Amino acid sequence: KYDNATFTNCFNSGATSTGNWDDHGSGDYYFVVDY
């Protein structure tokens, strides 16, 4: 499990929230909502 980002800005009419994660090497990745 890597850092959990909390997205709030995307709830403002048409706005975008962004999360950035550093390199954790090659492999298969996915994200989980409200883990």
PDB file of all heavy atoms in Angstrom:
ATOM      1  N   LYS A   1       0.864  -1.191   0.000  1.00  0.00           N
ATOM      2  CA  LYS A   1       0.000   0.000   0.000  1.00  0.00           C
ATOM      3  C   LYS A   1       0.889   1.226   0.000  1.00  0.00           C
ATOM      4  O   LYS A   1       1.819   1.314   0.794  1.00  0.00           O
ATOM      5  CB  LYS A   1      -0.894   0.021   1.242  1.00  0.00           C
ATOM      6  CG  LYS A   1      -1.868  -1.130   1.307  1.00  0.00           C
ATOM      7  CD  LYS A   1      -2.631  -1.121   2.605  1.00  0.00           C
ATOM      8  CE  LYS A   1      -1.960  -2.115   3.525  1.00  0.00           C
ATOM      9  NZ  LYS A   1      -2.691  -2.431   4.705  1.00  0.00           N
ATOM     10  N   TYR A   2       0.602   2.163  -0.896  1.00  0.00           N
ATOM     11  CA  TYR A   2       1.349   3.415  -0.937  1.00  0.00           C
ATOM     12  C   TYR A   2       0.439   4.526  -0.436  1.00  0.00           C
ATOM     13  O   TYR A   2      -0.719   4.295  -0.106  1.00  0.00           O
ATOM     14  CB  TYR A   2       1.879   3.661  -2.350  1.00  0.00           C
ATOM     15  CG  TYR A   2       2.758   2.518  -2.814  1.00  0.00           C
ATOM     16  CD1 TYR A   2       2.367   1.691  -3.851  1.00  0.00           C
ATOM     17  CD2 TYR A   2       3.960   2.227  -2.167  1.00  0.00           C
ATOM     18  CE1 TYR A   2       3.163   0.619  -4.253  1.00  0.00           C
ATOM     19  CE2 TYR A   2       4.755   1.160  -2.559  1.00  0.00           C
ATOM     20  CZ  TYR A   2       4.346   0.366  -3.600  1.00  0.00           C
ATOM     21  OH  TYR A   2       5.121  -0.699  -3.989  1.00  0.00           O
ATOM     22  N   ASP A   3       0.964   5.724  -0.348  1.00  0.00           N
ATOM     23  CA  ASP A   3       0.230   6.850   0.227  1.00  0.00           C
ATOM     24  C   ASP A   3      -1.216   6.914  -0.235  1.00  0.00           C
ATOM     25  O   ASP A   3      -1.539   6.653  -1.389  1.00  0.00           O
ATOM     26  CB  ASP A   3       0.901   8.176  -0.136  1.00  0.00           C
ATOM     27  CG  ASP A   3       2.248   8.331   0.547  1.00  0.00           C
ATOM     28  OD1 ASP A   3       2.478   7.674   1.584  1.00  0.00           O
ATOM     29  OD2 ASP A   3       3.080   9.096   0.038  1.00  0.00           O
ATOM     30  N   ASN A   4      -2.070   7.292   0.705  1.00  0.00           N
ATOM     31  CA  ASN A   4      -3.487   7.505   0.425  1.00  0.00           C
ATOM     32  C   ASN A   4      -3.689   9.002   0.188  1.00  0.00           C
ATOM     33  O   ASN A   4      -3.330   9.812   1.029  1.00  0.00           O
ATOM     34  CB  ASN A   4      -4.328   7.032   1.619  1.00  0.00           C
ATOM     35  CG  ASN A   4      -5.796   6.992   1.296  1.00  0.00           C
ATOM     36  OD1 ASN A   4      -6.194   6.483   0.255  1.00  0.00           O
ATOM     37  ND2 ASN A   4      -6.605   7.518   2.192  1.00  0.00           N
ATOM     38  N   ALA A   5      -4.225   9.349  -0.963  1.00  0.00           N
ATOM     39  CA  ALA A   5      -4.520  10.757  -1.271  1.00  0.00           C
ATOM     40  C   ALA A   5      -6.006  11.002  -1.041  1.00  0.00           C
ATOM     41  O   ALA A   5      -6.837  10.167  -1.407  1.00  0.00           O
ATOM     42  CB  ALA A   5      -4.159  11.061  -2.721  1.00  0.00           C
ATOM     43  N   THR A   6      -6.323  12.117  -0.423  1.00  0.00           N
ATOM     44  CA  THR A   6      -7.718  12.488  -0.227  1.00  0.00           C
ATOM     45  C   THR A   6      -8.080  13.543  -1.258  1.00  0.00           C
ATOM     46  O   THR A   6      -7.505  14.631  -1.272  1.00  0.00           O
ATOM     47  CB  THR A   6      -7.955  13.033   1.198  1.00  0.00           C
ATOM     48  OG1 THR A   6      -7.561  12.016   2.130  1.00  0.00           O
ATOM     49  CG2 THR A   6      -9.410  13.391   1.413  1.00  0.00           C
ATOM     50  N   PHE A   7      -9.002  13.191  -2.151  1.00  0.00           N
ATOM     51  CA  PHE A   7      -9.448  14.094  -3.208  1.00  0.00           C
ATOM     52  C   PHE A   7     -10.689  14.839  -2.741  1.00  0.00           C
ATOM     53  O   PHE A   7     -11.692  14.223  -2.384  1.00  0.00           O
ATOM     54  CB  PHE A   7      -9.779  13.316  -4.476  1.00  0.00           C
ATOM     55  CG  PHE A   7      -8.586  12.737  -5.205  1.00  0.00           C
ATOM     56  CD1 PHE A   7      -7.294  12.882  -4.747  1.00  0.00           C
ATOM     57  CD2 PHE A   7      -8.780  12.054  -6.387  1.00  0.00           C
ATOM     58  CE1 PHE A   7      -6.210  12.359  -5.436  1.00  0.00           C
ATOM     59  CE2 PHE A   7      -7.704  11.517  -7.090  1.00  0.00           C
ATOM     60  CZ  PHE A   7      -6.419  11.673  -6.613  1.00  0.00           C
ATOM     61  N   THR A   8     -10.613  16.175  -2.728  1.00  0.00           N
ATOM     62  CA  THR A   8     -11.759  17.007  -2.344  1.00  0.00           C
ATOM     63  C   THR A   8     -12.126  18.024  -3.426  1.00  0.00           C
ATOM     64  O   THR A   8     -13.290  18.344  -3.606  1.00  0.00           O
ATOM     65  CB  THR A   8     -11.478  17.761  -1.026  1.00  0.00           C
ATOM     66  OG1 THR A   8     -10.289  18.537  -1.184  1.00  0.00           O
ATOM     67  CG2 THR A   8     -11.313  16.797   0.146  1.00  0.00           C
ATOM     68  N   ASN A   9     -11.127  18.534  -4.137  1.00  0.00           N
ATOM     69  CA  ASN A   9     -11.378  19.584  -5.126  1.00  0.00           C
ATOM     70  C   ASN A   9     -12.318  19.135  -6.240  1.00  0.00           C
ATOM     71  O   ASN A   9     -13.086  19.926  -6.786  1.00  0.00           O
ATOM     72  CB  ASN A   9     -10.056  20.089  -5.718  1.00  0.00           C
ATOM     73  CG  ASN A   9     -10.244  21.375  -6.491  1.00  0.00           C
ATOM     74  OD1 ASN A   9     -10.835  22.329  -5.994  1.00  0.00           O
ATOM     75  ND2 ASN A   9      -9.776  21.399  -7.715  1.00  0.00           N
ATOM     76  N   CYS A  10     -12.287  17.848  -6.588  1.00  0.00           N
ATOM     77  CA  CYS A  10     -13.116  17.347  -7.691  1.00  0.00           C
ATOM     78  C   CYS A  10     -14.611  17.462  -7.384  1.00  0.00           C
ATOM     79  O   CYS A  10     -15.442  17.322  -8.283  1.00  0.00           O
ATOM     80  CB  CYS A  10     -12.752  15.909  -8.040  1.00  0.00           C
ATOM     81  SG  CYS A  10     -13.008  14.704  -6.720  1.00  0.00           S
ATOM     82  N   PHE A  11     -14.971  17.756  -6.140  1.00  0.00           N
ATOM     83  CA  PHE A  11     -16.384  17.939  -5.776  1.00  0.00           C
ATOM     84  C   PHE A  11     -16.854  19.362  -6.076  1.00  0.00           C
ATOM     85  O   PHE A  11     -18.028  19.664  -5.955  1.00  0.00           O
ATOM     86  CB  PHE A  11     -16.606  17.594  -4.300  1.00  0.00           C
ATOM     87  CG  PHE A  11     -16.483  16.115  -4.041  1.00  0.00           C
ATOM     88  CD1 PHE A  11     -15.276  15.559  -3.656  1.00  0.00           C
ATOM     89  CD2 PHE A  11     -17.569  15.272  -4.216  1.00  0.00           C
ATOM     90  CE1 PHE A  11     -15.155  14.198  -3.436  1.00  0.00           C
ATOM     91  CE2 PHE A  11     -17.460  13.904  -4.005  1.00  0.00           C
ATOM     92  CZ  PHE A  11     -16.247  13.370  -3.608  1.00  0.00           C
ATOM     93  N   ASN A  12     -15.922  20.257  -6.454  1.00  0.00           N
ATOM     94  CA  ASN A  12     -16.277  21.615  -6.871  1.00  0.00           C
ATOM     95  C   ASN A  12     -16.600  21.596  -8.354  1.00  0.00           C
ATOM     96  O   ASN A  12     -15.771  21.195  -9.164  1.00  0.00           O
ATOM     97  CB  ASN A  12     -15.117  22.592  -6.595  1.00  0.00           C
ATOM     98  CG  ASN A  12     -14.808  22.696  -5.120  1.00  0.00           C
ATOM     99  OD1 ASN A  12     -15.712  22.711  -4.297  1.00  0.00           O
ATOM    100  ND2 ASN A  12     -13.529  22.734  -4.787  1.00  0.00           N
ATOM    101  N   SER A  13     -17.739  22.005  -8.715  1.00  0.00           N
ATOM    102  CA  SER A  13     -18.276  22.006 -10.077  1.00  0.00           C
ATOM    103  C   SER A  13     -17.227  21.925 -11.194  1.00  0.00           C
ATOM    104  O   SER A  13     -16.590  22.905 -11.545  1.00  0.00           O
ATOM    105  CB  SER A  13     -19.126  23.260 -10.269  1.00  0.00           C
ATOM    106  OG  SER A  13     -19.708  23.250 -11.546  1.00  0.00           O
ATOM    107  N   GLY A  14     -17.029  20.732 -11.750  1.00  0.00           N
ATOM    108  CA  GLY A  14     -16.141  20.535 -12.891  1.00  0.00           C
ATOM    109  C   GLY A  14     -14.653  20.575 -12.583  1.00  0.00           C
ATOM    110  O   GLY A  14     -13.835  20.524 -13.495  1.00  0.00           O
ATOM    111  N   ALA A  15     -14.289  20.646 -11.309  1.00  0.00           N
ATOM    112  CA  ALA A  15     -12.879  20.767 -10.931  1.00  0.00           C
ATOM    113  C   ALA A  15     -12.202  19.388 -10.882  1.00  0.00           C
ATOM    114  O   ALA A  15     -12.863  18.350 -10.903  1.00  0.00           O
ATOM    115  CB  ALA A  15     -12.749  21.466  -9.582  1.00  0.00           C
ATOM    116  N   THR A  16     -10.876  19.418 -10.795  1.00  0.00           N
ATOM    117  CA  THR A  16     -10.072  18.196 -10.795  1.00  0.00           C
ATOM    118  C   THR A  16      -9.245  18.100  -9.523  1.00  0.00           C
ATOM    119  O   THR A  16      -8.690  19.085  -9.056  1.00  0.00           O
ATOM    120  CB  THR A  16      -9.127  18.181 -12.024  1.00  0.00           C
ATOM    121  OG1 THR A  16      -9.918  18.215 -13.205  1.00  0.00           O
ATOM    122  CG2 THR A  16      -8.243  16.953 -12.039  1.00  0.00           C
ATOM    123  N   SER A  17      -9.156  16.887  -8.976  1.00  0.00           N
ATOM    124  CA  SER A  17      -8.230  16.565  -7.884  1.00  0.00           C
ATOM    125  C   SER A  17      -7.136  15.683  -8.446  1.00  0.00           C
ATOM    126  O   SER A  17      -7.394  14.835  -9.303  1.00  0.00           O
ATOM    127  CB  SER A  17      -8.959  15.813  -6.768  1.00  0.00           C
ATOM    128  OG  SER A  17      -9.898  16.631  -6.123  1.00  0.00           O
ATOM    129  N   THR A  18      -5.919  15.879  -7.949  1.00  0.00           N
ATOM    130  CA  THR A  18      -4.766  15.149  -8.476  1.00  0.00           C
ATOM    131  C   THR A  18      -3.956  14.550  -7.342  1.00  0.00           C
ATOM    132  O   THR A  18      -3.691  15.213  -6.343  1.00  0.00           O
ATOM    133  CB  THR A  18      -3.862  16.094  -9.293  1.00  0.00           C
ATOM    134  OG1 THR A  18      -4.636  16.669 -10.342  1.00  0.00           O
ATOM    135  CG2 THR A  18      -2.676  15.356  -9.881  1.00  0.00           C
ATOM    136  N   GLY A  19      -3.559  13.288  -7.522  1.00  0.00           N
ATOM    137  CA  GLY A  19      -2.660  12.629  -6.586  1.00  0.00           C
ATOM    138  C   GLY A  19      -1.409  12.191  -7.327  1.00  0.00           C
ATOM    139  O   GLY A  19      -1.499  11.748  -8.482  1.00  0.00           O
ATOM    140  N   ASN A  20      -0.249  12.348  -6.688  1.00  0.00           N
ATOM    141  CA  ASN A  20       1.035  11.976  -7.298  1.00  0.00           C
ATOM    142  C   ASN A  20       1.764  10.989  -6.398  1.00  0.00           C
ATOM    143  O   ASN A  20       1.854  11.206  -5.187  1.00  0.00           O
ATOM    144  CB  ASN A  20       1.912  13.213  -7.502  1.00  0.00           C
ATOM    145  CG  ASN A  20       1.303  14.185  -8.475  1.00  0.00           C
ATOM    146  OD1 ASN A  20       1.086  13.851  -9.633  1.00  0.00           O
ATOM    147  ND2 ASN A  20       1.001  15.387  -8.019  1.00  0.00           N
ATOM    148  N   TRP A  21       2.282   9.922  -6.996  1.00  0.00           N
ATOM    149  CA  TRP A  21       3.036   8.919  -6.276  1.00  0.00           C
ATOM    150  C   TRP A  21       4.401   8.767  -6.925  1.00  0.00           C
ATOM    151  O   TRP A  21       4.512   8.719  -8.155  1.00  0.00           O
ATOM    152  CB  TRP A  21       2.300   7.577  -6.294  1.00  0.00           C
ATOM    153  CG  TRP A  21       1.079   7.562  -5.433  1.00  0.00           C
ATOM    154  CD1 TRP A  21       0.987   7.103  -4.149  1.00  0.00           C
ATOM    155  CD2 TRP A  21      -0.234   8.023  -5.777  1.00  0.00           C
ATOM    156  NE1 TRP A  21      -0.299   7.255  -3.679  1.00  0.00           N
ATOM    157  CE2 TRP A  21      -1.069   7.817  -4.660  1.00  0.00           C
ATOM    158  CE3 TRP A  21      -0.794   8.598  -6.923  1.00  0.00           C
ATOM    159  CZ2 TRP A  21      -2.417   8.156  -4.655  1.00  0.00           C
ATOM    160  CZ3 TRP A  21      -2.139   8.950  -6.914  1.00  0.00           C
ATOM    161  CH2 TRP A  21      -2.935   8.725  -5.796  1.00  0.00           C
ATOM    162  N   ASP A  22       5.454   8.666  -6.106  1.00  0.00           N
ATOM    163  CA  ASP A  22       6.814   8.489  -6.607  1.00  0.00           C
ATOM    164  C   ASP A  22       6.978   7.104  -7.226  1.00  0.00           C
ATOM    165  O   ASP A  22       6.138   6.223  -7.044  1.00  0.00           O
ATOM    166  CB  ASP A  22       7.829   8.656  -5.469  1.00  0.00           C
ATOM    167  CG  ASP A  22       7.890  10.085  -4.958  1.00  0.00           C
ATOM    168  OD1 ASP A  22       7.574  11.004  -5.728  1.00  0.00           O
ATOM    169  OD2 ASP A  22       8.256  10.264  -3.781  1.00  0.00           O
ATOM    170  N   ASP A  23       8.098   6.902  -7.901  1.00  0.00           N
ATOM    171  CA  ASP A  23       8.409   5.632  -8.542  1.00  0.00           C
ATOM    172  C   ASP A  23       8.525   4.521  -7.496  1.00  0.00           C
ATOM    173  O   ASP A  23       9.237   4.657  -6.507  1.00  0.00           O
ATOM    174  CB  ASP A  23       9.731   5.782  -9.301  1.00  0.00           C
ATOM    175  CG  ASP A  23      10.154   4.518 -10.019  1.00  0.00           C
ATOM    176  OD1 ASP A  23       9.351   3.565 -10.100  1.00  0.00           O
ATOM    177  OD2 ASP A  23      11.288   4.480 -10.517  1.00  0.00           O
ATOM    178  N   HIS A  24       7.797   3.432  -7.717  1.00  0.00           N
ATOM    179  CA  HIS A  24       7.885   2.260  -6.844  1.00  0.00           C
ATOM    180  C   HIS A  24       8.343   1.037  -7.632  1.00  0.00           C
ATOM    181  O   HIS A  24       8.050  -0.089  -7.254  1.00  0.00           O
ATOM    182  CB  HIS A  24       6.531   1.995  -6.176  1.00  0.00           C
ATOM    183  CG  HIS A  24       6.129   3.072  -5.221  1.00  0.00           C
ATOM    184  ND1 HIS A  24       6.750   3.274  -4.008  1.00  0.00           N
ATOM    185  CD2 HIS A  24       5.189   4.029  -5.308  1.00  0.00           C
ATOM    186  CE1 HIS A  24       6.202   4.308  -3.385  1.00  0.00           C
ATOM    187  NE2 HIS A  24       5.245   4.783  -4.158  1.00  0.00           N
ATOM    188  N   GLY A  25       9.027   1.279  -8.755  1.00  0.00           N
ATOM    189  CA  GLY A  25       9.551   0.186  -9.569  1.00  0.00           C
ATOM    190  C   GLY A  25       8.545  -0.322 -10.580  1.00  0.00           C
ATOM    191  O   GLY A  25       7.388   0.083 -10.601  1.00  0.00           O
ATOM    192  N   SER A  26       9.009  -1.233 -11.414  1.00  0.00           N
ATOM    193  CA  SER A  26       8.122  -1.776 -12.440  1.00  0.00           C
ATOM    194  C   SER A  26       7.182  -2.808 -11.825  1.00  0.00           C
ATOM    195  O   SER A  26       7.467  -3.387 -10.784  1.00  0.00           O
ATOM    196  CB  SER A  26       8.940  -2.392 -13.563  1.00  0.00           C
ATOM    197  OG  SER A  26       9.691  -3.478 -13.071  1.00  0.00           O
ATOM    198  N   GLY A  27       6.042  -2.996 -12.475  1.00  0.00           N
ATOM    199  CA  GLY A  27       5.067  -3.975 -12.004  1.00  0.00           C
ATOM    200  C   GLY A  27       3.668  -3.600 -12.428  1.00  0.00           C
ATOM    201  O   GLY A  27       3.461  -2.651 -13.185  1.00  0.00           O
ATOM    202  N   ASP A  28       2.702  -4.358 -11.934  1.00  0.00           N
ATOM    203  CA  ASP A  28       1.290  -4.086 -12.200  1.00  0.00           C
ATOM    204  C   ASP A  28       0.724  -3.303 -11.025  1.00  0.00           C
ATOM    205  O   ASP A  28       0.909  -3.684  -9.860  1.00  0.00           O
ATOM    206  CB  ASP A  28       0.513  -5.386 -12.388  1.00  0.00           C
ATOM    207  CG  ASP A  28       0.914  -6.126 -13.656  1.00  0.00           C
ATOM    208  OD1 ASP A  28       1.404  -5.464 -14.589  1.00  0.00           O
ATOM    209  OD2 ASP A  28       0.729  -7.351 -13.712  1.00  0.00           O
ATOM    210  N   TYR A  29       0.012  -2.228 -11.347  1.00  0.00           N
ATOM    211  CA  TYR A  29      -0.529  -1.340 -10.323  1.00  0.00           C
ATOM    212  C   TYR A  29      -2.038  -1.188 -10.481  1.00  0.00           C
ATOM    213  O   TYR A  29      -2.604  -1.489 -11.533  1.00  0.00           O
ATOM    214  CB  TYR A  29       0.122   0.049 -10.429  1.00  0.00           C
ATOM    215  CG  TYR A  29       1.559   0.059  -9.963  1.00  0.00           C
ATOM    216  CD1 TYR A  29       2.589  -0.239 -10.837  1.00  0.00           C
ATOM    217  CD2 TYR A  29       1.870   0.379  -8.648  1.00  0.00           C
ATOM    218  CE1 TYR A  29       3.902  -0.244 -10.413  1.00  0.00           C
ATOM    219  CE2 TYR A  29       3.179   0.380  -8.214  1.00  0.00           C
ATOM    220  CZ  TYR A  29       4.195   0.069  -9.101  1.00  0.00           C
ATOM    221  OH  TYR A  29       5.488   0.069  -8.674  1.00  0.00           O
ATOM    222  N   TYR A  30      -2.671  -0.709  -9.414  1.00  0.00           N
ATOM    223  CA  TYR A  30      -4.088  -0.358  -9.429  1.00  0.00           C
ATOM    224  C   TYR A  30      -4.320   0.627  -8.305  1.00  0.00           C
ATOM    225  O   TYR A  30      -3.451   0.834  -7.460  1.00  0.00           O
ATOM    226  CB  TYR A  30      -4.976  -1.601  -9.284  1.00  0.00           C
ATOM    227  CG  TYR A  30      -4.825  -2.360  -7.979  1.00  0.00           C
ATOM    228  CD1 TYR A  30      -5.758  -2.217  -6.947  1.00  0.00           C
ATOM    229  CD2 TYR A  30      -3.765  -3.244  -7.773  1.00  0.00           C
ATOM    230  CE1 TYR A  30      -5.635  -2.923  -5.761  1.00  0.00           C
ATOM    231  CE2 TYR A  30      -3.633  -3.950  -6.605  1.00  0.00           C
ATOM    232  CZ  TYR A  30      -4.573  -3.794  -5.586  1.00  0.00           C
ATOM    233  OH  TYR A  30      -4.443  -4.491  -4.411  1.00  0.00           O
ATOM    234  N   PHE A  31      -5.482   1.273  -8.295  1.00  0.00           N
ATOM    235  CA  PHE A  31      -5.816   2.118  -7.153  1.00  0.00           C
ATOM    236  C   PHE A  31      -7.082   1.591  -6.503  1.00  0.00           C
ATOM    237  O   PHE A  31      -7.889   0.880  -7.118  1.00  0.00           O
ATOM    238  CB  PHE A  31      -5.937   3.604  -7.533  1.00  0.00           C
ATOM    239  CG  PHE A  31      -7.084   3.943  -8.451  1.00  0.00           C
ATOM    240  CD1 PHE A  31      -8.366   4.141  -7.952  1.00  0.00           C
ATOM    241  CD2 PHE A  31      -6.872   4.092  -9.814  1.00  0.00           C
ATOM    242  CE1 PHE A  31      -9.418   4.468  -8.792  1.00  0.00           C
ATOM    243  CE2 PHE A  31      -7.913   4.422 -10.664  1.00  0.00           C
ATOM    244  CZ  PHE A  31      -9.192   4.606 -10.148  1.00  0.00           C
ATOM    245  N   VAL A  32      -7.227   1.921  -5.227  1.00  0.00           N
ATOM    246  CA  VAL A  32      -8.392   1.502  -4.454  1.00  0.00           C
ATOM    247  C   VAL A  32      -9.087   2.760  -3.945  1.00  0.00           C
ATOM    248  O   VAL A  32      -8.437   3.692  -3.460  1.00  0.00           O
ATOM    249  CB  VAL A  32      -7.982   0.607  -3.261  1.00  0.00           C
ATOM    250  CG1 VAL A  32      -9.202   0.159  -2.474  1.00  0.00           C
ATOM    251  CG2 VAL A  32      -7.184  -0.591  -3.739  1.00  0.00           C
ATOM    252  N   VAL A  33     -10.407   2.781  -4.062  1.00  0.00           N
ATOM    253  CA  VAL A  33     -11.215   3.914  -3.597  1.00  0.00           C
ATOM    254  C   VAL A  33     -11.611   3.669  -2.142  1.00  0.00           C
ATOM    255  O   VAL A  33     -12.126   2.592  -1.802  1.00  0.00           O
ATOM    256  CB  VAL A  33     -12.473   4.072  -4.473  1.00  0.00           C
ATOM    257  CG1 VAL A  33     -13.420   5.120  -3.897  1.00  0.00           C
ATOM    258  CG2 VAL A  33     -12.079   4.425  -5.898  1.00  0.00           C
ATOM    259  N   ASP A  34     -11.352   4.663  -1.289  1.00  0.00           N
ATOM    260  CA  ASP A  34     -11.742   4.618   0.127  1.00  0.00           C
ATOM    261  C   ASP A  34     -11.328   3.317   0.806  1.00  0.00           C
ATOM    262  O   ASP A  34     -12.117   2.658   1.491  1.00  0.00           O
ATOM    263  CB  ASP A  34     -13.248   4.840   0.275  1.00  0.00           C
ATOM    264  CG  ASP A  34     -13.682   6.222  -0.140  1.00  0.00           C
ATOM    265  OD1 ASP A  34     -12.954   7.189   0.146  1.00  0.00           O
ATOM    266  OD2 ASP A  34     -14.747   6.345  -0.762  1.00  0.00           O
ATOM    267  N   TYR A  35     -10.057   2.936   0.632  1.00  0.00           N
ATOM    268  CA  TYR A  35      -9.547   1.675   1.175  1.00  0.00           C
ATOM    269  C   TYR A  35      -9.752   1.590   2.688  1.00  0.00           C
ATOM    270  O   TYR A  35      -9.310   2.463   3.448  1.00  0.00           O
ATOM    271  CB  TYR A  35      -8.064   1.516   0.842  1.00  0.00           C
ATOM    272  CG  TYR A  35      -7.467   0.266   1.432  1.00  0.00           C
ATOM    273  CD1 TYR A  35      -7.719  -0.971   0.858  1.00  0.00           C
ATOM    274  CD2 TYR A  35      -6.675   0.317   2.570  1.00  0.00           C
ATOM    275  CE1 TYR A  35      -7.194  -2.130   1.398  1.00  0.00           C
ATOM    276  CE2 TYR A  35      -6.145  -0.830   3.120  1.00  0.00           C
ATOM    277  CZ  TYR A  35      -6.413  -2.060   2.531  1.00  0.00           C
ATOM    278  OH  TYR A  35      -5.900  -3.202   3.069  1.00  0.00           O
TER     279      TYR A  35
END
